[in-house]
């Protein structure tokens, strides 16, 4: 599910994402940085947020819920949810948290 965030006055949206409870992870093969937020005590399930596109005025993130890690070594496939109610609630939580943070900064 896509999340569109407007850049405001040079604010660091990556820092804001971290404040939403997400931590950075780096793909060992591609070197791409993305962010995860665990749902429970274990590594999975987890919300997975990655940068889809960045322009001077906005950032587009994509969010999904990884239910489990890839089934076997070398497999990029995993069990994920993209547009479920759970993912929609997390998008809403992220947007509300960022809005709150922006209000506190101003």
PDB file of N, CA and C in Angstrom:
ATOM      1  N   UNK A   1       0.848  -1.164   0.000  1.00  0.00           N
ATOM      2  CA  UNK A   1       0.000   0.000   0.000  1.00  0.00           C
ATOM      3  C   UNK A   1       0.897   1.231   0.000  1.00  0.00           C
ATOM      4  N   UNK A   2       0.571   2.195  -0.830  1.00  0.00           N
ATOM      5  CA  UNK A   2       1.395   3.391  -0.970  1.00  0.00           C
ATOM      6  C   UNK A   2       1.083   4.429   0.096  1.00  0.00           C
ATOM      7  N   UNK A   3       2.144   5.130   0.512  1.00  0.00           N
ATOM      8  CA  UNK A   3       2.027   6.242   1.450  1.00  0.00           C
ATOM      9  C   UNK A   3       2.727   7.427   0.807  1.00  0.00           C
ATOM     10  N   UNK A   4       1.986   8.475   0.549  1.00  0.00           N
ATOM     11  CA  UNK A   4       2.538   9.686  -0.061  1.00  0.00           C
ATOM     12  C   UNK A   4       2.724  10.724   1.033  1.00  0.00           C
ATOM     13  N   UNK A   5       3.958  11.203   1.185  1.00  0.00           N
ATOM     14  CA  UNK A   5       4.261  12.216   2.185  1.00  0.00           C
ATOM     15  C   UNK A   5       4.882  13.425   1.507  1.00  0.00           C
ATOM     16  N   UNK A   6       4.382  14.583   1.864  1.00  0.00           N
ATOM     17  CA  UNK A   6       4.909  15.834   1.318  1.00  0.00           C
ATOM     18  C   UNK A   6       6.125  16.260   2.134  1.00  0.00           C
ATOM     19  N   UNK A   7       7.170  16.684   1.438  1.00  0.00           N
ATOM     20  CA  UNK A   7       8.344  17.221   2.119  1.00  0.00           C
ATOM     21  C   UNK A   7       8.018  18.648   2.540  1.00  0.00           C
ATOM     22  N   UNK A   8       8.313  18.960   3.787  1.00  0.00           N
ATOM     23  CA  UNK A   8       8.033  20.297   4.303  1.00  0.00           C
ATOM     24  C   UNK A   8       9.307  20.922   4.854  1.00  0.00           C
ATOM     25  N   UNK A   9       9.709  22.028   4.276  1.00  0.00           N
ATOM     26  CA  UNK A   9      10.819  22.824   4.790  1.00  0.00           C
ATOM     27  C   UNK A   9      12.059  22.005   5.126  1.00  0.00           C
ATOM     28  N   UNK A  10      12.384  21.049   4.275  1.00  0.00           N
ATOM     29  CA  UNK A  10      13.613  20.282   4.456  1.00  0.00           C
ATOM     30  C   UNK A  10      13.591  19.302   5.614  1.00  0.00           C
ATOM     31  N   UNK A  11      12.414  18.975   6.139  1.00  0.00           N
ATOM     32  CA  UNK A  11      12.338  18.011   7.230  1.00  0.00           C
ATOM     33  C   UNK A  11      12.816  16.651   6.749  1.00  0.00           C
ATOM     34  N   UNK A  12      13.443  15.919   7.628  1.00  0.00           N
ATOM     35  CA  UNK A  12      13.967  14.611   7.310  1.00  0.00           C
ATOM     36  C   UNK A  12      12.879  13.560   7.554  1.00  0.00           C
ATOM     37  N   UNK A  13      12.200  13.141   6.485  1.00  0.00           N
ATOM     38  CA  UNK A  13      11.108  12.175   6.634  1.00  0.00           C
ATOM     39  C   UNK A  13      11.608  10.801   7.062  1.00  0.00           C
ATOM     40  N   UNK A  14      12.841  10.470   6.703  1.00  0.00           N
ATOM     41  CA  UNK A  14      13.408   9.193   7.143  1.00  0.00           C
ATOM     42  C   UNK A  14      13.522   9.170   8.676  1.00  0.00           C
ATOM     43  N   UNK A  15      13.938  10.278   9.238  1.00  0.00           N
ATOM     44  CA  UNK A  15      14.022  10.400  10.692  1.00  0.00           C
ATOM     45  C   UNK A  15      12.635  10.270  11.323  1.00  0.00           C
ATOM     46  N   UNK A  16      11.633  10.861  10.664  1.00  0.00           N
ATOM     47  CA  UNK A  16      10.265  10.760  11.169  1.00  0.00           C
ATOM     48  C   UNK A  16       9.778   9.310  11.142  1.00  0.00           C
ATOM     49  N   UNK A  17      10.147   8.581  10.085  1.00  0.00           N
ATOM     50  CA  UNK A  17       9.765   7.160   9.997  1.00  0.00           C
ATOM     51  C   UNK A  17      10.380   6.372  11.139  1.00  0.00           C
ATOM     52  N   UNK A  18      11.615   6.667  11.462  1.00  0.00           N
ATOM     53  CA  UNK A  18      12.268   5.998  12.600  1.00  0.00           C
ATOM     54  C   UNK A  18      11.503   6.277  13.886  1.00  0.00           C
ATOM     55  N   UNK A  19      11.033   7.500  14.034  1.00  0.00           N
ATOM     56  CA  UNK A  19      10.281   7.854  15.241  1.00  0.00           C
ATOM     57  C   UNK A  19       8.918   7.162  15.300  1.00  0.00           C
ATOM     58  N   UNK A  20       8.475   6.613  14.180  1.00  0.00           N
ATOM     59  CA  UNK A  20       7.224   5.841  14.142  1.00  0.00           C
ATOM     60  C   UNK A  20       7.455   4.388  14.576  1.00  0.00           C
ATOM     61  N   UNK A  21       8.673   4.060  14.956  1.00  0.00           N
ATOM     62  CA  UNK A  21       8.958   2.711  15.441  1.00  0.00           C
ATOM     63  C   UNK A  21       9.589   1.798  14.406  1.00  0.00           C
ATOM     64  N   UNK A  22      10.009   2.348  13.297  1.00  0.00           N
ATOM     65  CA  UNK A  22      10.634   1.555  12.238  1.00  0.00           C
ATOM     66  C   UNK A  22      12.151   1.622  12.363  1.00  0.00           C
ATOM     67  N   UNK A  23      12.814   0.519  12.033  1.00  0.00           N
ATOM     68  CA  UNK A  23      14.277   0.502  12.018  1.00  0.00           C
ATOM     69  C   UNK A  23      14.753   0.147  10.621  1.00  0.00           C
ATOM     70  N   UNK A  24      15.929   0.615  10.303  1.00  0.00           N
ATOM     71  CA  UNK A  24      16.496   0.374   8.979  1.00  0.00           C
ATOM     72  C   UNK A  24      17.007  -1.051   8.848  1.00  0.00           C
ATOM     73  N   UNK A  25      16.811  -1.610   7.657  1.00  0.00           N
ATOM     74  CA  UNK A  25      17.465  -2.862   7.294  1.00  0.00           C
ATOM     75  C   UNK A  25      18.063  -2.667   5.908  1.00  0.00           C
ATOM     76  N   UNK A  26      19.103  -3.421   5.613  1.00  0.00           N
ATOM     77  CA  UNK A  26      19.772  -3.311   4.321  1.00  0.00           C
ATOM     78  C   UNK A  26      19.725  -4.664   3.629  1.00  0.00           C
ATOM     79  N   UNK A  27      19.234  -4.670   2.398  1.00  0.00           N
ATOM     80  CA  UNK A  27      19.204  -5.893   1.598  1.00  0.00           C
ATOM     81  C   UNK A  27      20.638  -6.272   1.250  1.00  0.00           C
ATOM     82  N   UNK A  28      21.043  -7.472   1.635  1.00  0.00           N
ATOM     83  CA  UNK A  28      22.424  -7.907   1.427  1.00  0.00           C
ATOM     84  C   UNK A  28      22.794  -8.029  -0.042  1.00  0.00           C
ATOM     85  N   UNK A  29      21.821  -8.323  -0.885  1.00  0.00           N
ATOM     86  CA  UNK A  29      22.103  -8.496  -2.309  1.00  0.00           C
ATOM     87  C   UNK A  29      22.124  -7.174  -3.066  1.00  0.00           C
ATOM     88  N   UNK A  30      21.135  -6.315  -2.812  1.00  0.00           N
ATOM     89  CA  UNK A  30      21.005  -5.079  -3.600  1.00  0.00           C
ATOM     90  C   UNK A  30      21.582  -3.850  -2.899  1.00  0.00           C
ATOM     91  N   UNK A  31      21.738  -3.932  -1.584  1.00  0.00           N
ATOM     92  CA  UNK A  31      22.203  -2.777  -0.823  1.00  0.00           C
ATOM     93  C   UNK A  31      21.103  -1.768  -0.535  1.00  0.00           C
ATOM     94  N   UNK A  32      19.871  -2.068  -0.963  1.00  0.00           N
ATOM     95  CA  UNK A  32      18.745  -1.159  -0.761  1.00  0.00           C
ATOM     96  C   UNK A  32      18.360  -1.094   0.720  1.00  0.00           C
ATOM     97  N   UNK A  33      18.126   0.119   1.183  1.00  0.00           N
ATOM     98  CA  UNK A  33      17.687   0.340   2.564  1.00  0.00           C
ATOM     99  C   UNK A  33      16.166   0.365   2.598  1.00  0.00           C
ATOM    100  N   UNK A  34      15.598  -0.325   3.571  1.00  0.00           N
ATOM    101  CA  UNK A  34      14.161  -0.251   3.816  1.00  0.00           C
ATOM    102  C   UNK A  34      13.970  -0.235   5.328  1.00  0.00           C
ATOM    103  N   UNK A  35      12.739  -0.268   5.776  1.00  0.00           N
ATOM    104  CA  UNK A  35      12.439  -0.153   7.199  1.00  0.00           C
ATOM    105  C   UNK A  35      11.452  -1.236   7.611  1.00  0.00           C
ATOM    106  N   UNK A  36      11.624  -1.737   8.824  1.00  0.00           N
ATOM    107  CA  UNK A  36      10.705  -2.743   9.349  1.00  0.00           C
ATOM    108  C   UNK A  36      10.229  -2.349  10.743  1.00  0.00           C
ATOM    109  N   UNK A  37       9.029  -2.812  11.048  1.00  0.00           N
ATOM    110  CA  UNK A  37       8.420  -2.611  12.364  1.00  0.00           C
ATOM    111  C   UNK A  37       7.787  -3.946  12.747  1.00  0.00           C
ATOM    112  N   UNK A  38       8.324  -4.565  13.795  1.00  0.00           N
ATOM    113  CA  UNK A  38       7.813  -5.870  14.211  1.00  0.00           C
ATOM    114  C   UNK A  38       6.421  -5.745  14.819  1.00  0.00           C
ATOM    115  N   UNK A  39       5.606  -6.745  14.551  1.00  0.00           N
ATOM    116  CA  UNK A  39       4.245  -6.772  15.088  1.00  0.00           C
ATOM    117  C   UNK A  39       4.241  -7.368  16.498  1.00  0.00           C
ATOM    118  N   UNK A  40       5.113  -8.334  16.742  1.00  0.00           N
ATOM    119  CA  UNK A  40       5.172  -8.993  18.037  1.00  0.00           C
ATOM    120  C   UNK A  40       6.595  -9.091  18.554  1.00  0.00           C
ATOM    121  N   UNK A  41       6.871 -10.153  19.300  1.00  0.00           N
ATOM    122  CA  UNK A  41       8.189 -10.341  19.896  1.00  0.00           C
ATOM    123  C   UNK A  41       9.238 -10.859  18.917  1.00  0.00           C
ATOM    124  N   UNK A  42       8.795 -11.510  17.874  1.00  0.00           N
ATOM    125  CA  UNK A  42       9.722 -12.168  16.955  1.00  0.00           C
ATOM    126  C   UNK A  42       9.927 -11.342  15.692  1.00  0.00           C
ATOM    127  N   UNK A  43      10.852 -11.783  14.852  1.00  0.00           N
ATOM    128  CA  UNK A  43      11.166 -11.045  13.620  1.00  0.00           C
ATOM    129  C   UNK A  43       9.987 -10.981  12.662  1.00  0.00           C
ATOM    130  N   UNK A  44       9.140 -11.986  12.684  1.00  0.00           N
ATOM    131  CA  UNK A  44       7.958 -12.043  11.809  1.00  0.00           C
ATOM    132  C   UNK A  44       6.756 -12.365  12.652  1.00  0.00           C
ATOM    133  N   UNK A  45       5.594 -11.854  12.286  1.00  0.00           N
ATOM    134  CA  UNK A  45       5.296 -10.937  11.187  1.00  0.00           C
ATOM    135  C   UNK A  45       5.860  -9.551  11.466  1.00  0.00           C
ATOM    136  N   UNK A  46       6.049  -8.783  10.389  1.00  0.00           N
ATOM    137  CA  UNK A  46       6.571  -7.428  10.503  1.00  0.00           C
ATOM    138  C   UNK A  46       6.060  -6.579   9.345  1.00  0.00           C
ATOM    139  N   UNK A  47       5.907  -5.297   9.632  1.00  0.00           N
ATOM    140  CA  UNK A  47       5.584  -4.361   8.566  1.00  0.00           C
ATOM    141  C   UNK A  47       6.885  -4.013   7.853  1.00  0.00           C
ATOM    142  N   UNK A  48       6.828  -3.951   6.542  1.00  0.00           N
ATOM    143  CA  UNK A  48       8.013  -3.663   5.726  1.00  0.00           C
ATOM    144  C   UNK A  48       7.703  -2.429   4.882  1.00  0.00           C
ATOM    145  N   UNK A  49       8.476  -1.385   5.094  1.00  0.00           N
ATOM    146  CA  UNK A  49       8.271  -0.101   4.449  1.00  0.00           C
ATOM    147  C   UNK A  49       9.509   0.222   3.622  1.00  0.00           C
ATOM    148  N   UNK A  50       9.309   0.514   2.360  1.00  0.00           N
ATOM    149  CA  UNK A  50      10.460   0.880   1.537  1.00  0.00           C
ATOM    150  C   UNK A  50      10.137   2.078   0.656  1.00  0.00           C
ATOM    151  N   UNK A  51      11.185   2.803   0.334  1.00  0.00           N
ATOM    152  CA  UNK A  51      11.063   3.993  -0.488  1.00  0.00           C
ATOM    153  C   UNK A  51      10.816   3.575  -1.929  1.00  0.00           C
ATOM    154  N   UNK A  52       9.705   4.034  -2.477  1.00  0.00           N
ATOM    155  CA  UNK A  52       9.377   3.712  -3.862  1.00  0.00           C
ATOM    156  C   UNK A  52       9.860   4.806  -4.803  1.00  0.00           C
ATOM    157  N   UNK A  53       9.660   6.074  -4.375  1.00  0.00           N
ATOM    158  CA  UNK A  53      10.036   7.193  -5.232  1.00  0.00           C
ATOM    159  C   UNK A  53      10.244   8.432  -4.375  1.00  0.00           C
ATOM    160  N   UNK A  54      11.217   9.249  -4.760  1.00  0.00           N
ATOM    161  CA  UNK A  54      11.450  10.508  -4.062  1.00  0.00           C
ATOM    162  C   UNK A  54      11.635  11.615  -5.083  1.00  0.00           C
ATOM    163  N   UNK A  55      10.921  12.714  -4.864  1.00  0.00           N
ATOM    164  CA  UNK A  55      11.062  13.903  -5.703  1.00  0.00           C
ATOM    165  C   UNK A  55      11.426  15.056  -4.761  1.00  0.00           C
ATOM    166  N   UNK A  56      11.742  16.217  -5.292  1.00  0.00           N
ATOM    167  CA  UNK A  56      12.049  17.347  -4.401  1.00  0.00           C
ATOM    168  C   UNK A  56      10.887  17.748  -3.482  1.00  0.00           C
ATOM    169  N   UNK A  57       9.650  17.405  -3.856  1.00  0.00           N
ATOM    170  CA  UNK A  57       8.491  17.832  -3.070  1.00  0.00           C
ATOM    171  C   UNK A  57       7.809  16.723  -2.278  1.00  0.00           C
ATOM    172  N   UNK A  58       8.062  15.450  -2.633  1.00  0.00           N
ATOM    173  CA  UNK A  58       7.351  14.368  -1.950  1.00  0.00           C
ATOM    174  C   UNK A  58       8.168  13.082  -1.926  1.00  0.00           C
ATOM    175  N   UNK A  59       7.729  12.205  -1.040  1.00  0.00           N
ATOM    176  CA  UNK A  59       8.297  10.865  -0.937  1.00  0.00           C
ATOM    177  C   UNK A  59       7.133   9.884  -0.989  1.00  0.00           C
ATOM    178  N   UNK A  60       7.312   8.823  -1.764  1.00  0.00           N
ATOM    179  CA  UNK A  60       6.304   7.771  -1.814  1.00  0.00           C
ATOM    180  C   UNK A  60       6.921   6.504  -1.233  1.00  0.00           C
ATOM    181  N   UNK A  61       6.311   6.028  -0.161  1.00  0.00           N
ATOM    182  CA  UNK A  61       6.713   4.773   0.457  1.00  0.00           C
ATOM    183  C   UNK A  61       5.723   3.701   0.052  1.00  0.00           C
ATOM    184  N   UNK A  62       6.136   2.461   0.141  1.00  0.00           N
ATOM    185  CA  UNK A  62       5.256   1.331  -0.087  1.00  0.00           C
ATOM    186  C   UNK A  62       5.330   0.455   1.157  1.00  0.00           C
ATOM    187  N   UNK A  63       4.183   0.039   1.659  1.00  0.00           N
ATOM    188  CA  UNK A  63       4.114  -0.728   2.898  1.00  0.00           C
ATOM    189  C   UNK A  63       3.387  -2.043   2.650  1.00  0.00           C
ATOM    190  N   UNK A  64       3.933  -3.108   3.231  1.00  0.00           N
ATOM    191  CA  UNK A  64       3.226  -4.383   3.251  1.00  0.00           C
ATOM    192  C   UNK A  64       3.558  -5.101   4.561  1.00  0.00           C
ATOM    193  N   UNK A  65       2.831  -6.147   4.850  1.00  0.00           N
ATOM    194  CA  UNK A  65       3.035  -6.935   6.062  1.00  0.00           C
ATOM    195  C   UNK A  65       3.632  -8.274   5.669  1.00  0.00           C
ATOM    196  N   UNK A  66       4.891  -8.497   6.069  1.00  0.00           N
ATOM    197  CA  UNK A  66       5.542  -9.791   5.841  1.00  0.00           C
ATOM    198  C   UNK A  66       5.063 -10.755   6.919  1.00  0.00           C
ATOM    199  N   UNK A  67       4.408 -11.836   6.508  1.00  0.00           N
ATOM    200  CA  UNK A  67       3.929 -12.812   7.479  1.00  0.00           C
ATOM    201  C   UNK A  67       5.034 -13.762   7.939  1.00  0.00           C
ATOM    202  N   UNK A  68       5.955 -14.073   7.013  1.00  0.00           N
ATOM    203  CA  UNK A  68       7.069 -14.966   7.352  1.00  0.00           C
ATOM    204  C   UNK A  68       8.216 -14.686   6.407  1.00  0.00           C
ATOM    205  N   UNK A  69       9.403 -15.163   6.779  1.00  0.00           N
ATOM    206  CA  UNK A  69      10.542 -14.944   5.901  1.00  0.00           C
ATOM    207  C   UNK A  69      10.466 -15.893   4.715  1.00  0.00           C
ATOM    208  N   UNK A  70      11.272 -15.645   3.672  1.00  0.00           N
ATOM    209  CA  UNK A  70      11.225 -16.511   2.487  1.00  0.00           C
ATOM    210  C   UNK A  70      11.321 -17.983   2.856  1.00  0.00           C
ATOM    211  N   UNK A  71      10.611 -18.806   2.106  1.00  0.00           N
ATOM    212  CA  UNK A  71      10.505 -20.231   2.421  1.00  0.00           C
ATOM    213  C   UNK A  71      11.815 -20.996   2.329  1.00  0.00           C
ATOM    214  N   UNK A  72      12.660 -20.630   1.381  1.00  0.00           N
ATOM    215  CA  UNK A  72      13.935 -21.336   1.247  1.00  0.00           C
ATOM    216  C   UNK A  72      15.014 -20.380   0.754  1.00  0.00           C
ATOM    217  N   UNK A  73      16.260 -20.738   0.985  1.00  0.00           N
ATOM    218  CA  UNK A  73      17.397 -19.892   0.638  1.00  0.00           C
ATOM    219  C   UNK A  73      17.373 -19.541  -0.843  1.00  0.00           C
ATOM    220  N   UNK A  74      17.579 -18.285  -1.147  1.00  0.00           N
ATOM    221  CA  UNK A  74      17.603 -17.829  -2.530  1.00  0.00           C
ATOM    222  C   UNK A  74      16.247 -17.439  -3.071  1.00  0.00           C
ATOM    223  N   UNK A  75      15.210 -17.668  -2.303  1.00  0.00           N
ATOM    224  CA  UNK A  75      13.859 -17.341  -2.746  1.00  0.00           C
ATOM    225  C   UNK A  75      13.507 -15.920  -2.333  1.00  0.00           C
ATOM    226  N   UNK A  76      13.166 -15.044  -3.297  1.00  0.00           N
ATOM    227  CA  UNK A  76      12.746 -13.697  -2.925  1.00  0.00           C
ATOM    228  C   UNK A  76      11.294 -13.650  -2.455  1.00  0.00           C
ATOM    229  N   UNK A  77      10.561 -14.729  -2.719  1.00  0.00           N
ATOM    230  CA  UNK A  77       9.133 -14.751  -2.392  1.00  0.00           C
ATOM    231  C   UNK A  77       8.913 -14.933  -0.894  1.00  0.00           C
ATOM    232  N   UNK A  78       7.892 -14.285  -0.398  1.00  0.00           N
ATOM    233  CA  UNK A  78       7.496 -14.430   0.990  1.00  0.00           C
ATOM    234  C   UNK A  78       5.984 -14.246   1.065  1.00  0.00           C
ATOM    235  N   UNK A  79       5.441 -14.606   2.191  1.00  0.00           N
ATOM    236  CA  UNK A  79       4.006 -14.467   2.377  1.00  0.00           C
ATOM    237  C   UNK A  79       3.737 -13.054   2.886  1.00  0.00           C
ATOM    238  N   UNK A  80       3.085 -12.234   2.065  1.00  0.00           N
ATOM    239  CA  UNK A  80       2.871 -10.835   2.436  1.00  0.00           C
ATOM    240  C   UNK A  80       1.443 -10.391   2.171  1.00  0.00           C
ATOM    241  N   UNK A  81       1.022  -9.401   2.942  1.00  0.00           N
ATOM    242  CA  UNK A  81      -0.285  -8.769   2.765  1.00  0.00           C
ATOM    243  C   UNK A  81      -0.053  -7.329   2.319  1.00  0.00           C
ATOM    244  N   UNK A  82      -0.843  -6.872   1.357  1.00  0.00           N
ATOM    245  CA  UNK A  82      -0.630  -5.542   0.802  1.00  0.00           C
ATOM    246  C   UNK A  82      -1.760  -4.556   1.068  1.00  0.00           C
ATOM    247  N   UNK A  83      -2.983  -4.948   0.928  1.00  0.00           N
ATOM    248  CA  UNK A  83      -4.109  -4.010   1.076  1.00  0.00           C
ATOM    249  C   UNK A  83      -5.139  -4.483   2.087  1.00  0.00           C
ATOM    250  N   UNK A  84      -4.695  -5.185   3.097  1.00  0.00           N
ATOM    251  CA  UNK A  84      -5.619  -5.688   4.114  1.00  0.00           C
ATOM    252  C   UNK A  84      -5.959  -4.588   5.114  1.00  0.00           C
ATOM    253  N   UNK A  85      -6.937  -4.831   5.943  1.00  0.00           N
ATOM    254  CA  UNK A  85      -7.316  -3.873   6.983  1.00  0.00           C
ATOM    255  C   UNK A  85      -6.154  -3.616   7.934  1.00  0.00           C
ATOM    256  N   UNK A  86      -5.369  -4.641   8.233  1.00  0.00           N
ATOM    257  CA  UNK A  86      -4.218  -4.487   9.117  1.00  0.00           C
ATOM    258  C   UNK A  86      -3.216  -3.494   8.532  1.00  0.00           C
ATOM    259  N   UNK A  87      -2.935  -3.618   7.246  1.00  0.00           N
ATOM    260  CA  UNK A  87      -1.994  -2.714   6.571  1.00  0.00           C
ATOM    261  C   UNK A  87      -2.588  -1.300   6.513  1.00  0.00           C
ATOM    262  N   UNK A  88      -3.871  -1.187   6.233  1.00  0.00           N
ATOM    263  CA  UNK A  88      -4.525   0.124   6.186  1.00  0.00           C
ATOM    264  C   UNK A  88      -4.471   0.823   7.545  1.00  0.00           C
ATOM    265  N   UNK A  89      -4.654   0.054   8.629  1.00  0.00           N
ATOM    266  CA  UNK A  89      -4.559   0.640   9.973  1.00  0.00           C
ATOM    267  C   UNK A  89      -3.148   1.147  10.249  1.00  0.00           C
ATOM    268  N   UNK A  90      -2.143   0.401   9.793  1.00  0.00           N
ATOM    269  CA  UNK A  90      -0.757   0.820  10.005  1.00  0.00           C
ATOM    270  C   UNK A  90      -0.443   2.083   9.206  1.00  0.00           C
ATOM    271  N   UNK A  91      -0.942   2.182   7.997  1.00  0.00           N
ATOM    272  CA  UNK A  91      -0.755   3.397   7.195  1.00  0.00           C
ATOM    273  C   UNK A  91      -1.367   4.586   7.941  1.00  0.00           C
ATOM    274  N   UNK A  92      -2.557   4.407   8.461  1.00  0.00           N
ATOM    275  CA  UNK A  92      -3.225   5.471   9.211  1.00  0.00           C
ATOM    276  C   UNK A  92      -2.399   5.855  10.443  1.00  0.00           C
ATOM    277  N   UNK A  93      -1.869   4.857  11.149  1.00  0.00           N
ATOM    278  CA  UNK A  93      -1.054   5.118  12.346  1.00  0.00           C
ATOM    279  C   UNK A  93       0.199   5.913  11.978  1.00  0.00           C
ATOM    280  N   UNK A  94       0.869   5.525  10.890  1.00  0.00           N
ATOM    281  CA  UNK A  94       2.079   6.221  10.452  1.00  0.00           C
ATOM    282  C   UNK A  94       1.764   7.678  10.122  1.00  0.00           C
ATOM    283  N   UNK A  95       0.704   7.898   9.353  1.00  0.00           N
ATOM    284  CA  UNK A  95       0.337   9.266   8.963  1.00  0.00           C
ATOM    285  C   UNK A  95      -0.011  10.116  10.184  1.00  0.00           C
ATOM    286  N   UNK A  96      -0.748   9.545  11.130  1.00  0.00           N
ATOM    287  CA  UNK A  96      -1.113  10.288  12.341  1.00  0.00           C
ATOM    288  C   UNK A  96       0.119  10.609  13.174  1.00  0.00           C
ATOM    289  N   UNK A  97       1.037   9.652  13.281  1.00  0.00           N
ATOM    290  CA  UNK A  97       2.256   9.877  14.055  1.00  0.00           C
ATOM    291  C   UNK A  97       3.131  10.954  13.410  1.00  0.00           C
ATOM    292  N   UNK A  98       3.263  10.926  12.108  1.00  0.00           N
ATOM    293  CA  UNK A  98       4.058  11.939  11.415  1.00  0.00           C
ATOM    294  C   UNK A  98       3.413  13.310  11.562  1.00  0.00           C
ATOM    295  N   UNK A  99       2.096  13.363  11.427  1.00  0.00           N
ATOM    296  CA  UNK A  99       1.375  14.641  11.597  1.00  0.00           C
ATOM    297  C   UNK A  99       1.613  15.194  13.003  1.00  0.00           C
ATOM    298  N   UNK A 100       1.553  14.319  13.988  1.00  0.00           N
ATOM    299  CA  UNK A 100       1.802  14.713  15.380  1.00  0.00           C
ATOM    300  C   UNK A 100       3.231  15.241  15.539  1.00  0.00           C
ATOM    301  N   UNK A 101       4.186  14.543  14.957  1.00  0.00           N
ATOM    302  CA  UNK A 101       5.581  14.965  15.063  1.00  0.00           C
ATOM    303  C   UNK A 101       5.803  16.316  14.393  1.00  0.00           C
ATOM    304  N   UNK A 102       5.184  16.506  13.226  1.00  0.00           N
ATOM    305  CA  UNK A 102       5.326  17.784  12.518  1.00  0.00           C
ATOM    306  C   UNK A 102       4.739  18.925  13.330  1.00  0.00           C
ATOM    307  N   UNK A 103       3.640  18.679  14.027  1.00  0.00           N
ATOM    308  CA  UNK A 103       3.018  19.696  14.871  1.00  0.00           C
ATOM    309  C   UNK A 103       3.933  20.058  16.024  1.00  0.00           C
ATOM    310  N   UNK A 104       4.601  19.052  16.604  1.00  0.00           N
ATOM    311  CA  UNK A 104       5.508  19.287  17.732  1.00  0.00           C
ATOM    312  C   UNK A 104       6.739  20.056  17.302  1.00  0.00           C
ATOM    313  N   UNK A 105       7.186  19.857  16.063  1.00  0.00           N
ATOM    314  CA  UNK A 105       8.386  20.518  15.562  1.00  0.00           C
ATOM    315  C   UNK A 105       8.125  21.995  15.310  1.00  0.00           C
ATOM    316  N   UNK A 106       6.925  22.333  14.837  1.00  0.00           N
ATOM    317  CA  UNK A 106       6.603  23.737  14.472  1.00  0.00           C
ATOM    318  C   UNK A 106       6.423  24.621  15.660  1.00  0.00           C
TER     319      UNK A 106
END
